[in-house]
């Protein structure tokens, strides 16, 4: 699970993201910085309601990461594992984005009426 300390509390300043309990790799450091930038931007834009639901985004990201690692672990050798990591990240991001849009269409139809298409 993504440590809660990675994402600053809603009252924290834009640059306050605690990385002390998070693995320190170039990839994770870049990801933490990206999260901090987005959180800071949302704060600057007054989007507190989105930040109040950050846990839902964290849970979705954690579920996707768990699926990614299950796929990698099931591969028969290191080359196949590396392939799963690269393709899973590139195509997986595109897949998650497209699935999110489809879910938004469906949920919008449920919540606001109209046909999901």
N, C-alpha and C. Protein backbone atom coordinates (compact mmCIF):
# COMPACT_ATOMS: atom_id res chain seq x y z
N UNK A 1 0.84 -1.18 0.00
CA UNK A 1 0.00 0.00 0.00
C UNK A 1 0.88 1.24 0.00
N UNK A 2 0.42 2.28 -0.64
CA UNK A 2 1.15 3.54 -0.65
C UNK A 2 1.08 4.12 0.76
N UNK A 3 2.23 4.42 1.37
CA UNK A 3 2.20 4.96 2.73
C UNK A 3 1.43 6.27 2.79
N UNK A 4 0.59 6.42 3.80
CA UNK A 4 -0.19 7.64 3.96
C UNK A 4 0.71 8.85 4.12
N UNK A 5 1.91 8.63 4.66
CA UNK A 5 2.82 9.75 4.89
C UNK A 5 3.36 10.34 3.59
N UNK A 6 3.20 9.64 2.47
CA UNK A 6 3.69 10.16 1.21
C UNK A 6 2.88 11.37 0.78
N UNK A 7 1.59 11.34 1.04
CA UNK A 7 0.71 12.43 0.63
C UNK A 7 0.48 13.33 1.83
N UNK A 8 0.74 14.62 1.63
CA UNK A 8 0.61 15.58 2.73
C UNK A 8 -0.84 15.69 3.17
N UNK A 9 -1.01 15.99 4.44
CA UNK A 9 -2.36 16.25 4.97
C UNK A 9 -2.93 17.47 4.28
N UNK A 10 -4.26 17.56 4.14
CA UNK A 10 -4.87 18.70 3.45
C UNK A 10 -4.44 20.06 3.98
N UNK A 11 -4.08 20.15 5.25
CA UNK A 11 -3.69 21.44 5.81
C UNK A 11 -2.23 21.78 5.59
N UNK A 12 -1.46 20.82 5.11
CA UNK A 12 -0.03 21.05 4.92
C UNK A 12 0.21 21.97 3.74
N UNK A 13 1.35 22.59 3.73
CA UNK A 13 1.71 23.49 2.63
C UNK A 13 2.03 22.71 1.37
N UNK A 14 2.11 23.39 0.22
CA UNK A 14 2.31 22.72 -1.06
C UNK A 14 3.56 21.86 -1.14
N UNK A 15 4.62 22.26 -0.46
CA UNK A 15 5.87 21.52 -0.59
C UNK A 15 6.03 20.46 0.50
N UNK A 16 5.04 20.29 1.35
CA UNK A 16 5.17 19.38 2.48
C UNK A 16 4.64 17.99 2.17
N UNK A 17 5.51 17.17 1.63
CA UNK A 17 5.19 15.77 1.41
C UNK A 17 6.27 14.97 2.11
N UNK A 18 5.86 14.16 3.06
CA UNK A 18 6.78 13.38 3.87
C UNK A 18 7.16 12.11 3.15
N UNK A 19 8.44 11.96 2.83
CA UNK A 19 8.91 10.77 2.14
C UNK A 19 9.71 9.85 3.06
N UNK A 20 9.73 10.13 4.35
CA UNK A 20 10.59 9.39 5.26
C UNK A 20 10.25 7.91 5.36
N UNK A 21 9.01 7.52 5.15
CA UNK A 21 8.61 6.12 5.26
C UNK A 21 8.44 5.47 3.90
N UNK A 22 8.97 6.08 2.86
CA UNK A 22 8.78 5.57 1.51
C UNK A 22 10.13 5.13 0.94
N UNK A 23 10.12 4.03 0.20
CA UNK A 23 11.35 3.52 -0.41
C UNK A 23 11.99 4.62 -1.24
N UNK A 24 13.29 4.75 -1.14
CA UNK A 24 13.99 5.81 -1.86
C UNK A 24 14.66 5.25 -3.10
N UNK A 25 14.00 5.36 -4.21
CA UNK A 25 14.58 5.02 -5.50
C UNK A 25 14.29 6.19 -6.41
N UNK A 26 15.00 6.25 -7.54
CA UNK A 26 14.76 7.34 -8.49
C UNK A 26 13.31 7.35 -8.93
N UNK A 27 12.76 6.16 -9.18
CA UNK A 27 11.37 6.06 -9.63
C UNK A 27 10.40 6.52 -8.56
N UNK A 28 10.59 6.08 -7.32
CA UNK A 28 9.65 6.47 -6.27
C UNK A 28 9.82 7.94 -5.92
N UNK A 29 11.05 8.46 -5.98
CA UNK A 29 11.27 9.87 -5.71
C UNK A 29 10.56 10.73 -6.75
N UNK A 30 10.63 10.34 -8.00
CA UNK A 30 9.93 11.07 -9.07
C UNK A 30 8.42 10.98 -8.88
N UNK A 31 7.93 9.82 -8.47
CA UNK A 31 6.49 9.65 -8.26
C UNK A 31 6.01 10.50 -7.09
N UNK A 32 6.78 10.53 -6.02
CA UNK A 32 6.41 11.35 -4.85
C UNK A 32 6.41 12.83 -5.24
N UNK A 33 7.38 13.24 -6.01
CA UNK A 33 7.43 14.63 -6.46
C UNK A 33 6.23 14.96 -7.35
N UNK A 34 5.85 14.03 -8.21
CA UNK A 34 4.68 14.24 -9.08
C UNK A 34 3.41 14.37 -8.25
N UNK A 35 3.25 13.51 -7.24
CA UNK A 35 2.09 13.59 -6.36
C UNK A 35 2.08 14.94 -5.64
N UNK A 36 3.23 15.35 -5.13
CA UNK A 36 3.33 16.63 -4.42
C UNK A 36 2.94 17.79 -5.33
N UNK A 37 3.40 17.75 -6.58
CA UNK A 37 3.06 18.81 -7.53
C UNK A 37 1.56 18.88 -7.80
N UNK A 38 0.95 17.72 -8.00
CA UNK A 38 -0.49 17.69 -8.28
C UNK A 38 -1.28 18.15 -7.06
N UNK A 39 -0.90 17.68 -5.88
CA UNK A 39 -1.59 18.09 -4.66
C UNK A 39 -1.45 19.61 -4.46
N UNK A 40 -0.26 20.14 -4.68
CA UNK A 40 -0.05 21.59 -4.55
C UNK A 40 -0.90 22.36 -5.55
N UNK A 41 -0.97 21.88 -6.77
CA UNK A 41 -1.78 22.55 -7.79
C UNK A 41 -3.26 22.51 -7.43
N UNK A 42 -3.73 21.36 -6.98
CA UNK A 42 -5.13 21.26 -6.56
C UNK A 42 -5.44 22.24 -5.43
N UNK A 43 -4.51 22.36 -4.48
CA UNK A 43 -4.70 23.31 -3.38
C UNK A 43 -4.77 24.74 -3.92
N UNK A 44 -3.84 25.07 -4.80
CA UNK A 44 -3.80 26.43 -5.36
C UNK A 44 -5.09 26.76 -6.12
N UNK A 45 -5.68 25.75 -6.72
CA UNK A 45 -6.91 25.94 -7.49
C UNK A 45 -8.17 25.82 -6.63
N UNK A 46 -7.98 25.58 -5.32
CA UNK A 46 -9.12 25.51 -4.41
C UNK A 46 -9.95 24.24 -4.56
N UNK A 47 -9.33 23.16 -4.97
CA UNK A 47 -10.05 21.91 -5.22
C UNK A 47 -9.98 20.97 -4.01
N UNK A 48 -10.36 21.48 -2.85
CA UNK A 48 -10.28 20.70 -1.62
C UNK A 48 -11.17 19.46 -1.66
N UNK A 49 -12.31 19.55 -2.35
CA UNK A 49 -13.20 18.39 -2.40
C UNK A 49 -12.52 17.21 -3.09
N UNK A 50 -11.69 17.48 -4.08
CA UNK A 50 -10.95 16.41 -4.74
C UNK A 50 -9.89 15.85 -3.79
N UNK A 51 -9.21 16.74 -3.09
CA UNK A 51 -8.20 16.29 -2.13
C UNK A 51 -8.81 15.50 -0.98
N UNK A 52 -10.05 15.83 -0.62
CA UNK A 52 -10.73 15.11 0.45
C UNK A 52 -11.01 13.66 0.07
N UNK A 53 -10.99 13.35 -1.22
CA UNK A 53 -11.23 11.99 -1.70
C UNK A 53 -9.96 11.31 -2.20
N UNK A 54 -8.83 11.84 -1.81
CA UNK A 54 -7.54 11.31 -2.25
C UNK A 54 -7.37 9.83 -1.90
N UNK A 55 -7.93 9.42 -0.78
CA UNK A 55 -7.82 8.01 -0.38
C UNK A 55 -8.38 7.06 -1.44
N UNK A 56 -9.45 7.47 -2.11
CA UNK A 56 -10.03 6.62 -3.16
C UNK A 56 -9.05 6.45 -4.31
N UNK A 57 -8.34 7.51 -4.66
CA UNK A 57 -7.33 7.43 -5.72
C UNK A 57 -6.15 6.56 -5.29
N UNK A 58 -5.76 6.71 -4.03
CA UNK A 58 -4.66 5.89 -3.49
C UNK A 58 -5.04 4.41 -3.53
N UNK A 59 -6.26 4.08 -3.13
CA UNK A 59 -6.71 2.69 -3.15
C UNK A 59 -6.75 2.12 -4.56
N UNK A 60 -7.22 2.92 -5.51
CA UNK A 60 -7.26 2.46 -6.91
C UNK A 60 -5.85 2.23 -7.44
N UNK A 61 -4.93 3.14 -7.12
CA UNK A 61 -3.54 3.00 -7.57
C UNK A 61 -2.90 1.78 -6.93
N UNK A 62 -3.19 1.54 -5.67
CA UNK A 62 -2.63 0.39 -4.98
C UNK A 62 -3.15 -0.92 -5.58
N UNK A 63 -4.42 -0.96 -5.92
CA UNK A 63 -5.00 -2.17 -6.54
C UNK A 63 -4.35 -2.42 -7.90
N UNK A 64 -4.14 -1.37 -8.68
CA UNK A 64 -3.48 -1.53 -9.98
C UNK A 64 -2.05 -2.01 -9.80
N UNK A 65 -1.34 -1.46 -8.83
CA UNK A 65 0.05 -1.88 -8.58
C UNK A 65 0.11 -3.34 -8.15
N UNK A 66 -0.84 -3.77 -7.34
CA UNK A 66 -0.88 -5.18 -6.91
C UNK A 66 -1.09 -6.09 -8.11
N UNK A 67 -1.99 -5.71 -9.01
CA UNK A 67 -2.23 -6.50 -10.23
C UNK A 67 -0.98 -6.54 -11.09
N UNK A 68 -0.31 -5.39 -11.23
CA UNK A 68 0.93 -5.34 -12.01
C UNK A 68 1.96 -6.33 -11.48
N UNK A 69 2.14 -6.31 -10.17
CA UNK A 69 3.17 -7.17 -9.57
C UNK A 69 2.80 -8.65 -9.62
N UNK A 70 1.51 -8.96 -9.57
CA UNK A 70 1.08 -10.35 -9.73
C UNK A 70 1.44 -10.85 -11.13
N UNK A 71 1.25 -9.99 -12.12
CA UNK A 71 1.59 -10.36 -13.50
C UNK A 71 3.08 -10.56 -13.63
N UNK A 72 3.87 -9.64 -13.10
CA UNK A 72 5.33 -9.75 -13.18
C UNK A 72 5.80 -11.02 -12.49
N UNK A 73 5.30 -11.28 -11.29
CA UNK A 73 5.73 -12.45 -10.52
C UNK A 73 5.38 -13.76 -11.21
N UNK A 74 4.34 -13.76 -12.02
CA UNK A 74 3.92 -14.99 -12.69
C UNK A 74 4.73 -15.29 -13.95
N UNK A 75 5.55 -14.36 -14.38
CA UNK A 75 6.35 -14.57 -15.59
C UNK A 75 7.46 -15.58 -15.31
N UNK A 76 7.83 -16.39 -16.33
CA UNK A 76 8.74 -17.51 -16.11
C UNK A 76 10.22 -17.15 -15.93
N UNK A 77 10.65 -15.99 -16.42
CA UNK A 77 12.07 -15.64 -16.31
C UNK A 77 12.24 -14.13 -16.27
N UNK A 78 13.48 -13.70 -16.03
CA UNK A 78 13.77 -12.29 -15.83
C UNK A 78 13.45 -11.45 -17.07
N UNK A 79 13.70 -11.99 -18.26
CA UNK A 79 13.39 -11.25 -19.49
C UNK A 79 11.89 -11.02 -19.64
N UNK A 80 11.12 -12.04 -19.37
CA UNK A 80 9.67 -11.92 -19.45
C UNK A 80 9.15 -10.98 -18.36
N UNK A 81 9.80 -11.00 -17.19
CA UNK A 81 9.41 -10.10 -16.11
C UNK A 81 9.68 -8.65 -16.52
N UNK A 82 10.85 -8.41 -17.10
CA UNK A 82 11.20 -7.05 -17.54
C UNK A 82 10.23 -6.57 -18.61
N UNK A 83 9.88 -7.46 -19.51
CA UNK A 83 8.91 -7.12 -20.55
C UNK A 83 7.57 -6.72 -19.92
N UNK A 84 7.14 -7.46 -18.93
CA UNK A 84 5.87 -7.16 -18.25
C UNK A 84 5.93 -5.80 -17.56
N UNK A 85 7.07 -5.49 -16.98
CA UNK A 85 7.21 -4.20 -16.30
C UNK A 85 7.11 -3.05 -17.31
N UNK A 86 7.87 -3.15 -18.39
CA UNK A 86 7.88 -2.06 -19.37
C UNK A 86 6.52 -1.92 -20.05
N UNK A 87 6.03 -3.01 -20.60
CA UNK A 87 4.75 -2.94 -21.31
C UNK A 87 3.59 -2.66 -20.36
N UNK A 88 3.67 -3.22 -19.17
CA UNK A 88 2.63 -2.99 -18.18
C UNK A 88 2.55 -1.53 -17.78
N UNK A 89 3.67 -0.87 -17.66
CA UNK A 89 3.66 0.55 -17.32
C UNK A 89 3.17 1.41 -18.46
N UNK A 90 3.68 1.19 -19.64
CA UNK A 90 3.30 2.02 -20.78
C UNK A 90 1.84 1.77 -21.18
N UNK A 91 1.51 0.53 -21.44
CA UNK A 91 0.16 0.22 -21.87
C UNK A 91 -0.83 0.19 -20.71
N UNK A 92 -0.34 -0.17 -19.53
CA UNK A 92 -1.20 -0.18 -18.35
C UNK A 92 -1.72 1.20 -18.01
N UNK A 93 -0.86 2.23 -18.12
CA UNK A 93 -1.31 3.60 -17.87
C UNK A 93 -2.41 4.00 -18.85
N UNK A 94 -2.21 3.66 -20.12
CA UNK A 94 -3.22 3.98 -21.14
C UNK A 94 -4.51 3.20 -20.86
N UNK A 95 -4.38 1.94 -20.47
CA UNK A 95 -5.55 1.12 -20.16
C UNK A 95 -6.32 1.68 -18.98
N UNK A 96 -5.60 2.03 -17.91
CA UNK A 96 -6.27 2.59 -16.73
C UNK A 96 -7.01 3.89 -17.06
N UNK A 97 -6.39 4.72 -17.86
CA UNK A 97 -7.02 5.98 -18.25
C UNK A 97 -8.30 5.73 -19.04
N UNK A 98 -8.24 4.81 -20.01
CA UNK A 98 -9.42 4.49 -20.82
C UNK A 98 -10.52 3.85 -19.97
N UNK A 99 -10.14 2.95 -19.07
CA UNK A 99 -11.13 2.31 -18.19
C UNK A 99 -11.78 3.33 -17.26
N UNK A 100 -11.00 4.29 -16.79
CA UNK A 100 -11.55 5.34 -15.93
C UNK A 100 -12.59 6.15 -16.69
N UNK A 101 -12.29 6.49 -17.94
CA UNK A 101 -13.25 7.26 -18.75
C UNK A 101 -14.54 6.46 -18.96
N UNK A 102 -14.41 5.17 -19.23
CA UNK A 102 -15.60 4.33 -19.39
C UNK A 102 -16.42 4.27 -18.11
N UNK A 103 -15.73 4.14 -16.99
CA UNK A 103 -16.43 4.10 -15.70
C UNK A 103 -17.12 5.43 -15.41
N UNK A 104 -16.48 6.54 -15.80
CA UNK A 104 -17.10 7.85 -15.60
C UNK A 104 -18.38 7.98 -16.42
N UNK A 105 -18.35 7.49 -17.65
CA UNK A 105 -19.55 7.53 -18.49
C UNK A 105 -20.67 6.72 -17.84
N UNK A 106 -20.34 5.53 -17.40
CA UNK A 106 -21.33 4.66 -16.78
C UNK A 106 -21.89 5.26 -15.49
N UNK A 107 -21.00 5.73 -14.63
CA UNK A 107 -21.42 6.32 -13.35
C UNK A 107 -22.21 7.60 -13.57
N UNK A 108 -21.82 8.39 -14.57
CA UNK A 108 -22.56 9.63 -14.87
C UNK A 108 -23.98 9.32 -15.29
N UNK A 109 -24.12 8.28 -16.12
CA UNK A 109 -25.46 7.88 -16.55
C UNK A 109 -26.31 7.42 -15.36
N UNK A 110 -25.69 6.67 -14.44
CA UNK A 110 -26.40 6.23 -13.25
C UNK A 110 -26.80 7.40 -12.34
N UNK A 111 -25.88 8.31 -12.14
CA UNK A 111 -26.11 9.39 -11.19
C UNK A 111 -26.94 10.54 -11.74
N UNK A 112 -26.73 10.86 -13.01
CA UNK A 112 -27.39 12.04 -13.57
C UNK A 112 -28.42 11.71 -14.63
N UNK A 113 -28.62 10.42 -14.89
CA UNK A 113 -29.59 10.00 -15.89
C UNK A 113 -29.00 10.01 -17.30
N UNK A 114 -29.71 9.40 -18.20
CA UNK A 114 -29.20 9.32 -19.56
C UNK A 114 -28.59 7.96 -19.81
N UNK A 115 -28.32 7.71 -21.07
CA UNK A 115 -27.77 6.42 -21.45
C UNK A 115 -26.26 6.47 -21.47
N UNK A 116 -25.64 5.46 -20.92
CA UNK A 116 -24.19 5.33 -21.02
C UNK A 116 -23.87 4.76 -22.39
N UNK A 117 -22.97 5.44 -23.09
CA UNK A 117 -22.62 4.94 -24.43
C UNK A 117 -21.14 5.05 -24.66
